[in-house]
Protein backbone atom coordinates (compact mmCIF):
# COMPACT_ATOMS: atom_id res chain seq x y z
CA UNK A 1 24.29 37.44 -5.75
CA UNK A 2 25.54 35.53 -2.70
CA UNK A 3 26.58 32.62 -4.94
CA UNK A 4 28.57 34.99 -7.14
CA UNK A 5 30.50 36.41 -4.18
CA UNK A 6 31.18 32.87 -2.98
CA UNK A 7 32.55 31.97 -6.43
CA UNK A 8 34.75 35.08 -6.47
CA UNK A 9 36.06 34.10 -3.02
CA UNK A 10 36.84 30.59 -4.35
CA UNK A 11 38.71 32.18 -7.28
CA UNK A 12 40.74 34.42 -4.94
CA UNK A 13 41.60 31.57 -2.54
CA UNK A 14 42.71 29.27 -5.36
CA UNK A 15 44.72 32.04 -7.06
CA UNK A 16 46.57 32.97 -3.87
CA UNK A 17 47.12 29.31 -2.87
CA UNK A 18 48.56 28.46 -6.30
CA UNK A 19 50.76 31.58 -6.23
CA UNK A 20 52.12 30.71 -2.77
CA UNK A 21 52.68 27.04 -3.61
CA UNK A 22 54.52 27.84 -6.85
CA UNK A 23 56.65 30.48 -5.16
CA UNK A 24 57.55 28.11 -2.30
CA UNK A 25 58.62 25.40 -4.75
CA UNK A 26 60.56 27.94 -6.86
CA UNK A 27 62.32 29.21 -3.73
CA UNK A 28 63.27 25.62 -2.82
CA UNK A 29 64.65 25.02 -6.35
CA UNK A 30 66.55 28.30 -6.24
CA UNK A 31 68.15 27.40 -2.89
CA UNK A 32 68.62 23.62 -3.31
CA UNK A 33 69.65 23.13 -6.95
CA UNK A 34 72.45 25.26 -8.36
CA UNK A 35 71.54 27.02 -11.58
CA UNK A 36 72.28 25.00 -14.76
CA UNK A 37 72.58 21.73 -12.85
CA UNK A 38 70.31 18.68 -12.77
CA UNK A 39 68.93 16.54 -9.98
CA UNK A 40 67.87 13.19 -11.46
CA UNK A 41 64.76 11.86 -9.73
CA UNK A 42 64.25 8.98 -12.20
CA UNK A 43 65.06 8.16 -15.81
CA UNK A 44 61.94 10.08 -16.75
CA UNK A 45 61.91 13.06 -14.39
CA UNK A 46 64.81 15.41 -13.73
CA UNK A 47 64.88 18.74 -11.94
CA UNK A 48 67.10 21.01 -14.04
CA UNK A 49 67.39 24.53 -12.65
CA UNK A 50 67.25 26.93 -15.61
CA UNK A 51 66.29 30.57 -15.97
CA UNK A 52 63.94 31.75 -18.69
CA UNK A 53 64.60 35.38 -19.57
CA UNK A 54 62.06 35.23 -22.41
CA UNK A 55 58.56 33.94 -22.96
CA UNK A 56 56.78 30.67 -23.58
CA UNK A 57 59.12 27.86 -24.70
CA UNK A 58 62.04 30.24 -24.15
CA UNK A 59 61.10 32.49 -27.08
CA UNK A 60 62.46 36.02 -27.31
CA UNK A 61 65.16 35.69 -24.66
CA UNK A 62 65.87 39.02 -23.00
CA UNK A 63 62.31 40.24 -23.51
CA UNK A 64 60.89 38.85 -20.29
CA UNK A 65 59.73 42.31 -19.26
CA UNK A 66 57.44 42.38 -22.32
CA UNK A 67 55.93 38.99 -21.46
CA UNK A 68 55.51 40.21 -17.89
CA UNK A 69 53.54 43.27 -19.05
CA UNK A 70 51.38 41.18 -21.38
CA UNK A 71 50.76 38.71 -18.55
CA UNK A 72 49.72 41.45 -16.14
CA UNK A 73 47.22 42.72 -18.72
CA UNK A 74 45.84 39.23 -19.34
CA UNK A 75 45.48 38.46 -15.63
CA UNK A 76 43.75 41.78 -15.03
CA UNK A 77 41.41 41.06 -17.93
CA UNK A 78 40.56 37.56 -16.68
CA UNK A 79 39.97 38.88 -13.16
CA UNK A 80 37.70 41.67 -14.45
CA UNK A 81 35.80 39.14 -16.59
CA UNK A 82 35.17 36.95 -13.53
CA UNK A 83 34.19 39.84 -11.29
CA UNK A 84 31.84 41.59 -13.72
CA UNK A 85 30.34 38.75 -15.75
CA UNK A 86 26.96 37.81 -14.26
CA UNK A 87 26.46 34.34 -15.81
CA UNK A 88 29.50 32.21 -15.04
CA UNK A 89 29.63 28.71 -13.65
CA UNK A 90 31.63 27.72 -10.57
CA UNK A 91 34.06 25.59 -12.61
CA UNK A 92 35.09 28.75 -14.51
CA UNK A 93 36.08 30.49 -11.27
CA UNK A 94 38.00 27.38 -10.18
CA UNK A 95 39.80 26.89 -13.49
CA UNK A 96 40.67 30.56 -13.85
CA UNK A 97 41.94 30.51 -10.27
CA UNK A 98 44.62 28.04 -11.37
CA UNK A 99 45.43 30.10 -14.47
CA UNK A 100 45.69 33.40 -12.60
CA UNK A 101 47.66 31.90 -9.71
CA UNK A 102 50.16 30.28 -12.08
CA UNK A 103 50.44 33.41 -14.20
CA UNK A 104 50.92 35.56 -11.11
CA UNK A 105 53.70 33.24 -9.95
CA UNK A 106 55.58 33.62 -13.24
CA UNK A 107 55.15 37.40 -13.01
CA UNK A 108 56.43 37.31 -9.42
CA UNK A 109 59.49 35.32 -10.55
CA UNK A 110 60.22 37.99 -13.15
CA UNK A 111 59.92 40.74 -10.52
CA UNK A 112 62.06 38.97 -7.89
CA UNK A 113 64.67 37.18 -10.02
CA UNK A 114 64.47 38.97 -13.36
CA UNK A 115 63.55 35.65 -14.96
CA UNK A 116 61.27 32.65 -14.50
CA UNK A 117 62.69 29.68 -12.58
CA UNK A 118 62.11 26.57 -14.70
CA UNK A 119 63.07 23.13 -13.41
CA UNK A 120 60.71 20.30 -14.44
CA UNK A 121 62.63 18.40 -17.09
CA UNK A 122 60.82 15.40 -18.54
CA UNK A 123 63.16 12.99 -20.36
CA UNK A 124 62.55 10.19 -22.86
CA UNK A 125 59.88 12.03 -24.87
CA UNK A 126 60.82 12.36 -28.56
CA UNK A 127 61.10 15.96 -29.79
CA UNK A 128 60.43 17.35 -26.28
CA UNK A 129 63.30 19.37 -24.85
CA UNK A 130 61.46 21.93 -22.77
CA UNK A 131 61.92 22.67 -19.10
CA UNK A 132 58.99 24.21 -17.28
CA UNK A 133 57.82 25.01 -13.75
CA UNK A 134 54.98 24.40 -11.33
CA UNK A 135 53.22 27.60 -12.39
CA UNK A 136 53.09 26.33 -15.98
CA UNK A 137 51.53 23.09 -14.73
CA UNK A 138 48.91 25.06 -12.79
CA UNK A 139 48.07 27.16 -15.86
CA UNK A 140 47.50 23.97 -17.82
CA UNK A 141 45.42 22.50 -14.98
CA UNK A 142 43.13 25.49 -15.44
CA UNK A 143 43.10 25.86 -19.21
CA UNK A 144 42.53 22.25 -20.31
CA UNK A 145 39.37 21.61 -18.27
CA UNK A 146 37.98 24.96 -19.46
CA UNK A 147 38.59 24.00 -23.09
CA UNK A 148 37.24 20.46 -22.74
CA UNK A 149 34.14 21.54 -20.82
CA UNK A 150 33.43 24.37 -23.25
CA UNK A 151 33.64 21.99 -26.23
CA UNK A 152 31.38 19.45 -24.51
CA UNK A 153 28.85 22.08 -23.43
CA UNK A 154 28.93 23.74 -26.85
CA UNK A 155 28.39 20.36 -28.54
CA UNK A 156 25.48 19.56 -26.21
CA UNK A 157 23.92 22.98 -26.85
CA UNK A 158 24.37 22.58 -30.60
CA UNK A 159 22.86 19.08 -30.53
CA UNK A 160 19.82 20.30 -28.56
CA UNK A 161 19.33 23.20 -30.98
CA UNK A 162 19.46 20.95 -34.05
CA UNK A 163 17.25 18.27 -32.45
CA UNK A 164 14.60 20.88 -31.72
CA UNK A 165 14.78 20.20 -27.98
């Protein structure tokens, strides 16, 4: 039981830290780079201050409120899953901390600015024209390890079951 509370505390600390970091960077972008302008850091990386009034990849512009509501429901569901599920591993709390913190930052942007502040603009990649933000990076930092670990663990469990181990 003590380990579970410690893991929940880790989840909360990571979530809040990610939220605060993403909001601080978004505030800097909002104040330092005029909207719809670009700061070229290198040929590859530009900071282009855009506003996303829609959802993922800029879909459904003007429906940001809907994506905000869906996000709130998802984050509440993930948090409830972590709090009430008795058999989770520490890496799940850590990974979901990044996901929830990043998601909460995008929700906070929608509440404060009415849109999400996007600014990371990677150039020189064929067929890639998307601009994203730090919160999106944090969400990916949480999701990808979860997926990879779950596939590896599932494969190991399947192999042990078929080997008769």
